[in-house]
Amino acid sequence: MSSPIVTTTTQAAVFSIVSSVLAQGITAYQSNSSLSLDWHPVFQFFIFAIISTPPNVLWQIFLESSFPGYFQKETQKQKEDTESTQSKAALPERLNWRNTLTKTLLDQSVGACANTFLLCAFIATWEQGLQSATTSIAAVVSRTRADFWPLVFAGWRFWPWVSISSFALVPDVATRNLIGGLAGIVWGIYLSLATGPSVKVATE
């Protein structure tokens, strides 16, 4: 794996731990009980972060290379300049709103559905493995179907704002991945509080 993928995956793994611990702390506070960490969900979503982050980084790189968010607009004088290379280097970058909206739509449709499916399938397989020595494919499929659309709809209330803000305001993919990881802490806490003990924390 390339260095950016390793760096982002490491960040996501750390954020998943932070998110899980914070979620359990909030749950303990709400129930007015002492905090006793359950390391099962911490490890569960630590593994999920390691599995899901590399394809997400590649997805973000693909979106940016296919639909660049910024462009340089030349004036007529700069076009006629004989030292065109130097002139272009000095040009200010402008946001390409069409590409930004395209990336957001793709990220919140194809990307969101793929991430949610991976999350649901991972949780269903993990929980099924804990409950039985053999994994029932039918049970995994049933659980994945039941969890998929509720999580997609919940994500659409949160992630589109993160997505379009990062695409519009942050030029480089590495910083976007960091922002996405930080937002994932909030998302993970929300999932934990919304879905109960079966899903402690998750990141997108």
Protein backbone atom coordinates (compact mmCIF):
# COMPACT_ATOMS: atom_id res chain seq x y z
CA MET A 1 0.00 0.00 0.00
CA SER A 2 1.14 3.53 -0.68
CA SER A 3 2.02 5.89 2.16
CA PRO A 4 -1.20 8.00 1.96
CA ILE A 5 -3.29 4.85 2.31
CA VAL A 6 -1.25 3.64 5.28
CA THR A 7 -1.45 7.05 6.97
CA THR A 8 -5.20 7.42 6.46
CA THR A 9 -5.88 3.83 7.54
CA THR A 10 -3.90 4.38 10.73
CA GLN A 11 -5.84 7.56 11.45
CA ALA A 12 -9.16 5.80 10.82
CA ALA A 13 -8.22 2.93 13.13
CA VAL A 14 -7.33 5.36 15.93
CA PHE A 15 -10.51 7.37 15.34
CA SER A 16 -12.58 4.17 15.54
CA ILE A 17 -11.16 3.48 18.99
CA VAL A 18 -11.84 7.05 20.14
CA SER A 19 -15.37 6.89 18.76
CA SER A 20 -16.15 3.59 20.45
CA VAL A 21 -14.82 4.71 23.84
CA LEU A 22 -16.68 8.05 23.64
CA ALA A 23 -19.91 6.29 22.68
CA GLN A 24 -19.66 3.96 25.65
CA GLY A 25 -18.87 6.92 27.89
CA ILE A 26 -21.95 8.79 26.70
CA THR A 27 -24.09 5.69 27.20
CA ALA A 28 -22.78 5.29 30.75
CA TYR A 29 -23.44 8.97 31.47
CA GLN A 30 -26.99 8.78 30.12
CA SER A 31 -27.76 5.71 32.20
CA ASN A 32 -26.10 7.24 35.27
CA SER A 33 -23.80 4.24 35.66
CA SER A 34 -20.05 3.80 35.94
CA LEU A 35 -18.07 3.31 32.73
CA SER A 36 -16.95 -0.26 32.15
CA LEU A 37 -15.38 -0.52 28.73
CA ASP A 38 -16.55 -3.32 26.46
CA TRP A 39 -13.52 -4.07 24.30
CA HIS A 40 -15.50 -6.21 21.87
CA PRO A 41 -16.93 -3.26 19.85
CA VAL A 42 -13.61 -1.43 20.13
CA PHE A 43 -11.80 -4.31 18.45
CA GLN A 44 -14.69 -4.96 16.07
CA PHE A 45 -14.61 -1.53 14.50
CA PHE A 46 -10.86 -1.23 14.72
CA ILE A 47 -10.79 -4.17 12.29
CA PHE A 48 -13.56 -2.63 10.19
CA ALA A 49 -11.60 0.62 9.86
CA ILE A 50 -8.55 -1.28 8.63
CA ILE A 51 -10.64 -3.16 6.06
CA SER A 52 -12.79 -0.30 4.79
CA THR A 53 -10.39 2.65 4.71
CA PRO A 54 -8.03 1.65 1.83
CA PRO A 55 -10.84 1.29 -0.76
CA ASN A 56 -12.31 4.57 0.47
CA VAL A 57 -9.00 6.36 -0.05
CA LEU A 58 -8.77 4.93 -3.58
CA TRP A 59 -12.36 6.02 -4.19
CA GLN A 60 -11.58 9.60 -3.16
CA ILE A 61 -8.48 9.64 -5.36
CA PHE A 62 -10.57 8.36 -8.28
CA LEU A 63 -13.22 11.04 -7.77
CA GLU A 64 -10.66 13.84 -7.63
CA SER A 65 -8.72 12.63 -10.67
CA SER A 66 -11.92 12.16 -12.69
CA PHE A 67 -13.58 15.39 -11.56
CA PRO A 68 -10.93 17.92 -10.46
CA GLY A 69 -12.37 20.35 -7.96
CA TYR A 70 -10.25 23.34 -8.96
CA PHE A 71 -9.11 24.86 -12.24
CA GLN A 72 -6.97 27.78 -13.36
CA LYS A 73 -8.64 30.41 -15.53
CA GLU A 74 -6.38 32.37 -17.84
CA THR A 75 -6.97 35.91 -18.98
CA GLN A 76 -6.41 36.82 -22.61
CA LYS A 77 -3.16 38.53 -21.68
CA GLN A 78 -1.89 35.44 -19.92
CA LYS A 79 -2.83 33.25 -22.87
CA GLU A 80 -0.71 35.42 -25.13
CA ASP A 81 2.24 35.42 -22.75
CA THR A 82 5.21 33.64 -24.27
CA GLU A 83 6.27 32.34 -20.85
CA SER A 84 3.08 30.34 -20.51
CA THR A 85 4.42 27.81 -18.01
CA GLN A 86 5.40 30.47 -15.51
CA SER A 87 2.12 32.31 -16.01
CA LYS A 88 0.01 29.21 -15.37
CA ALA A 89 1.93 28.42 -12.22
CA ALA A 90 1.03 31.83 -10.83
CA LEU A 91 -2.67 31.65 -11.70
CA PRO A 92 -5.13 31.45 -8.79
CA GLU A 93 -7.23 28.30 -8.58
CA ARG A 94 -11.00 28.52 -8.82
CA LEU A 95 -13.60 26.07 -7.60
CA ASN A 96 -15.30 23.98 -10.28
CA TRP A 97 -18.84 23.76 -8.94
CA ARG A 98 -20.02 21.29 -11.58
CA ASN A 99 -17.32 18.79 -10.69
CA THR A 100 -17.83 19.43 -6.98
CA LEU A 101 -21.54 18.64 -7.20
CA THR A 102 -20.84 15.61 -9.40
CA LYS A 103 -18.38 14.23 -6.86
CA THR A 104 -20.82 14.84 -4.03
CA LEU A 105 -23.64 13.04 -5.85
CA LEU A 106 -21.42 10.07 -6.70
CA ASP A 107 -19.99 9.94 -3.20
CA GLN A 108 -23.42 10.02 -1.59
CA SER A 109 -24.96 7.46 -3.94
CA VAL A 110 -22.41 4.90 -5.14
CA GLY A 111 -19.96 5.54 -2.32
CA ALA A 112 -22.55 5.68 0.45
CA CYS A 113 -24.32 2.51 -0.67
CA ALA A 114 -21.05 0.60 -1.03
CA ASN A 115 -19.83 1.72 2.39
CA THR A 116 -23.14 0.95 4.07
CA PHE A 117 -23.34 -2.49 2.47
CA LEU A 118 -19.80 -3.27 3.62
CA LEU A 119 -20.62 -2.07 7.14
CA CYS A 120 -23.86 -4.06 7.38
CA ALA A 121 -22.31 -7.22 5.96
CA PHE A 122 -19.31 -6.91 8.29
CA ILE A 123 -21.47 -6.44 11.39
CA ALA A 124 -23.83 -9.27 10.42
CA THR A 125 -20.95 -11.66 9.74
CA TRP A 126 -19.13 -10.68 12.93
CA GLU A 127 -22.19 -11.04 15.17
CA GLN A 128 -23.22 -14.29 13.49
CA GLY A 129 -19.74 -15.66 14.09
CA LEU A 130 -19.99 -14.83 17.79
CA GLN A 131 -23.38 -16.49 18.13
CA SER A 132 -22.58 -19.71 16.31
CA ALA A 133 -19.58 -21.83 15.42
CA THR A 134 -20.71 -21.79 11.79
CA THR A 135 -21.79 -18.69 9.89
CA SER A 136 -25.26 -18.82 8.35
CA ILE A 137 -25.22 -17.02 5.01
CA ALA A 138 -29.00 -16.68 5.11
CA ALA A 139 -28.82 -14.98 8.52
CA VAL A 140 -26.07 -12.63 7.32
CA VAL A 141 -28.06 -11.68 4.22
CA SER A 142 -31.22 -11.13 6.26
CA ARG A 143 -29.43 -8.93 8.80
CA THR A 144 -27.69 -6.96 6.05
CA ARG A 145 -30.98 -6.29 4.27
CA ALA A 146 -32.66 -5.20 7.50
CA ASP A 147 -29.91 -2.75 8.45
CA PHE A 148 -28.99 -1.39 5.01
CA TRP A 149 -31.62 1.23 4.15
CA PRO A 150 -32.08 2.62 7.69
CA LEU A 151 -28.34 3.29 7.83
CA VAL A 152 -28.30 4.77 4.31
CA PHE A 153 -31.11 7.18 5.19
CA ALA A 154 -29.45 8.08 8.48
CA GLY A 155 -26.19 8.76 6.65
CA TRP A 156 -27.91 11.04 4.15
CA ARG A 157 -28.87 13.34 7.03
CA PHE A 158 -25.21 13.82 7.93
CA TRP A 159 -22.63 12.88 5.30
CA PRO A 160 -23.75 15.04 2.33
CA TRP A 161 -22.90 18.16 4.35
CA VAL A 162 -19.47 16.77 5.20
CA SER A 163 -18.91 15.68 1.62
CA ILE A 164 -19.79 18.90 -0.18
CA SER A 165 -17.99 21.03 2.41
CA SER A 166 -14.75 19.07 2.09
CA PHE A 167 -14.95 18.95 -1.71
CA ALA A 168 -15.62 22.69 -1.91
CA LEU A 169 -13.24 23.97 0.75
CA VAL A 170 -10.38 21.45 0.90
CA PRO A 171 -8.30 21.03 -2.29
CA ASP A 172 -6.20 17.98 -1.34
CA VAL A 173 -7.43 14.44 -0.81
CA ALA A 174 -5.24 13.75 2.24
CA THR A 175 -6.80 16.56 4.27
CA ARG A 176 -10.27 15.51 3.13
CA ASN A 177 -9.61 12.01 4.44
CA LEU A 178 -8.57 13.48 7.78
CA ILE A 179 -11.73 15.60 7.95
CA GLY A 180 -13.78 12.55 7.00
CA GLY A 181 -12.15 10.60 9.81
CA LEU A 182 -12.94 13.29 12.35
CA ALA A 183 -16.53 13.44 11.09
CA GLY A 184 -16.58 9.66 11.40
CA ILE A 185 -16.11 10.00 15.16
CA VAL A 186 -19.38 11.96 15.34
CA TRP A 187 -21.07 9.50 13.00
CA GLY A 188 -19.86 6.54 15.02
CA ILE A 189 -21.20 7.98 18.26
CA TYR A 190 -24.54 8.66 16.56
CA LEU A 191 -24.74 5.07 15.31
CA SER A 192 -23.93 3.69 18.72
CA LEU A 193 -26.62 5.73 20.46
CA ALA A 194 -29.18 5.19 17.68
CA THR A 195 -28.82 1.46 17.13
CA GLY A 196 -28.11 0.18 20.60
CA PRO A 197 -25.67 -2.44 21.76
CA SER A 198 -25.56 -4.50 18.57
CA VAL A 199 -23.69 -1.75 16.73
CA LYS A 200 -21.37 0.13 19.03
CA VAL A 201 -19.61 2.39 16.58
CA ALA A 202 -18.90 2.73 12.90
CA THR A 203 -17.11 5.09 10.56
CA GLU A 204 -17.66 5.90 6.82
